[in-house]
Amino acid sequence: MSDAWRQYKSAPPAGTVLLECSRLTPGDSQCLSLESDSGRFPLIIARDAGGEVRAYVNACPHQYLPLNGRSDTIMSRDGELLICTHHQACFRLDSGEGISGPAQGEALDPVPVVEKDGWWVIGE
């Protein structure tokens, strides 16, 4: 996994609590804004239809706008894609790879997450 997300000035430390595991059902995504003294860190956390959880920096590599800038509905109906609401760039949930639209060939920056005591937290 790439560590590009750590280059953000506002990147949260490992162990930062994100949300309760029960609040993220299969086929669901949440866009979070993590506040710290260094600023705001935009994050997407999503669970695919099979139950796997992934997290990415919420910044489309096309113009670095948040995927949910126009709507909080950023996940495809089948739970396999994240879709930027600005220019409809589509990203595979399992890899962050841009597969269509203006970000094709680019990728979202992955952020490691782990389950700890019923909560999703930033991993190492």
Protein backbone atom coordinates (compact mmCIF):
# COMPACT_ATOMS: atom_id res chain seq x y z
CA MET A 1 0.00 0.00 0.00
CA SER A 2 1.24 3.45 -0.90
CA ASP A 3 2.07 5.86 1.91
CA ALA A 4 1.24 8.96 -0.17
CA TRP A 5 -1.56 9.86 2.24
CA ARG A 6 1.05 10.48 4.96
CA GLN A 7 2.44 13.40 2.91
CA TYR A 8 -0.68 15.46 3.64
CA LYS A 9 0.07 18.06 6.32
CA SER A 10 -3.15 17.13 8.11
CA ALA A 11 -2.68 13.32 7.90
CA PRO A 12 -3.95 11.73 11.12
CA PRO A 13 -1.72 9.44 13.19
CA ALA A 14 -2.17 5.69 13.41
CA GLY A 15 -4.85 4.80 15.92
CA THR A 16 -7.13 7.73 15.05
CA VAL A 17 -10.71 6.57 15.59
CA LEU A 18 -12.96 6.95 12.53
CA LEU A 19 -16.37 5.45 13.25
CA GLU A 20 -18.16 2.50 14.81
CA CYS A 21 -17.95 -0.63 12.69
CA SER A 22 -21.73 -1.09 12.85
CA ARG A 23 -22.25 2.28 11.09
CA LEU A 24 -20.67 0.97 7.88
CA THR A 25 -22.83 -1.71 6.30
CA PRO A 26 -22.00 -3.64 3.11
CA GLY A 27 -22.42 -1.37 0.08
CA ASP A 28 -22.13 1.77 2.21
CA SER A 29 -19.60 4.61 2.30
CA GLN A 30 -18.97 7.51 4.65
CA CYS A 31 -17.13 10.75 3.86
CA LEU A 32 -15.40 12.05 6.97
CA SER A 33 -13.55 15.23 7.78
CA LEU A 34 -10.95 14.60 10.47
CA GLU A 35 -10.02 17.80 12.29
CA SER A 36 -6.66 18.35 13.97
CA ASP A 37 -4.32 21.21 14.85
CA SER A 38 -2.74 20.76 11.39
CA GLY A 39 -6.03 21.16 9.53
CA ARG A 40 -8.76 19.04 8.01
CA PHE A 41 -8.09 15.60 6.51
CA PRO A 42 -10.78 14.39 4.06
CA LEU A 43 -11.38 10.63 4.15
CA ILE A 44 -13.66 8.11 2.49
CA ILE A 45 -14.28 4.82 4.23
CA ALA A 46 -16.37 2.22 2.42
CA ARG A 47 -17.44 -1.41 2.73
CA ASP A 48 -17.98 -3.39 -0.44
CA ALA A 49 -20.85 -5.84 -0.93
CA GLY A 50 -18.61 -8.68 0.32
CA GLY A 51 -17.82 -6.87 3.57
CA GLU A 52 -14.23 -5.70 2.83
CA VAL A 53 -13.47 -2.21 4.14
CA ARG A 54 -11.23 0.28 2.34
CA ALA A 55 -10.35 3.90 2.98
CA TYR A 56 -8.98 6.61 0.69
CA VAL A 57 -8.11 10.27 0.87
CA ASN A 58 -11.25 12.07 -0.34
CA ALA A 59 -9.50 13.93 -3.17
CA CYS A 60 -10.12 13.05 -6.81
CA PRO A 61 -6.74 13.07 -8.58
CA HIS A 62 -8.34 14.86 -11.56
CA GLN A 63 -8.63 18.23 -9.76
CA TYR A 64 -8.25 17.27 -6.08
CA LEU A 65 -11.87 18.05 -5.34
CA PRO A 66 -13.73 15.87 -2.79
CA LEU A 67 -15.64 13.03 -4.42
CA ASN A 68 -18.77 14.02 -2.48
CA GLY A 69 -18.63 17.72 -3.38
CA ARG A 70 -22.07 17.67 -5.03
CA SER A 71 -23.69 14.69 -3.30
CA ASP A 72 -22.89 12.23 -0.54
CA THR A 73 -23.92 9.39 -2.85
CA ILE A 74 -20.52 8.37 -4.21
CA MET A 75 -20.79 4.57 -4.28
CA SER A 76 -22.17 2.68 -7.26
CA ARG A 77 -25.30 0.58 -6.71
CA ASP A 78 -23.30 -2.65 -6.95
CA GLY A 79 -20.85 -1.41 -4.27
CA GLU A 80 -17.79 -1.84 -6.49
CA LEU A 81 -17.03 1.75 -7.54
CA LEU A 82 -16.55 5.17 -5.99
CA ILE A 83 -17.76 7.97 -8.27
CA CYS A 84 -16.65 11.59 -8.16
CA THR A 85 -19.75 13.80 -8.18
CA HIS A 86 -17.94 16.64 -9.97
CA HIS A 87 -16.86 14.98 -13.23
CA GLN A 88 -18.05 11.35 -12.83
CA ALA A 89 -14.57 9.84 -12.60
CA CYS A 90 -14.97 6.22 -11.47
CA PHE A 91 -12.59 4.38 -9.14
CA ARG A 92 -12.49 0.71 -8.22
CA LEU A 93 -13.30 0.36 -4.52
CA ASP A 94 -10.90 -2.56 -4.10
CA SER A 95 -7.83 -0.69 -5.43
CA GLY A 96 -8.67 3.01 -5.84
CA GLU A 97 -7.71 2.75 -9.52
CA GLY A 98 -9.39 5.27 -11.83
CA ILE A 99 -11.11 3.25 -14.56
CA SER A 100 -13.17 5.85 -16.43
CA GLY A 101 -13.67 9.58 -16.74
CA PRO A 102 -11.03 12.27 -16.38
CA ALA A 103 -9.07 10.37 -13.69
CA GLN A 104 -8.67 7.19 -15.74
CA GLY A 105 -5.20 5.78 -15.18
CA GLU A 106 -4.77 7.66 -11.89
CA ALA A 107 -5.74 6.45 -8.41
CA LEU A 108 -7.07 7.54 -5.06
CA ASP A 109 -4.54 7.52 -2.21
CA PRO A 110 -5.29 4.52 0.05
CA VAL A 111 -5.33 4.91 3.82
CA PRO A 112 -4.88 1.81 6.01
CA VAL A 113 -7.76 1.04 8.37
CA VAL A 114 -8.21 -1.71 10.93
CA GLU A 115 -10.99 -2.81 13.24
CA LYS A 116 -10.25 -2.31 16.93
CA ASP A 117 -12.77 -2.97 19.68
CA GLY A 118 -15.77 -2.36 17.39
CA TRP A 119 -14.32 0.80 15.80
CA TRP A 120 -12.58 1.51 12.48
CA VAL A 121 -9.27 3.23 13.14
CA ILE A 122 -6.32 4.42 11.06
CA GLY A 123 -3.79 1.58 10.78
CA GLU A 124 0.00 1.60 10.50
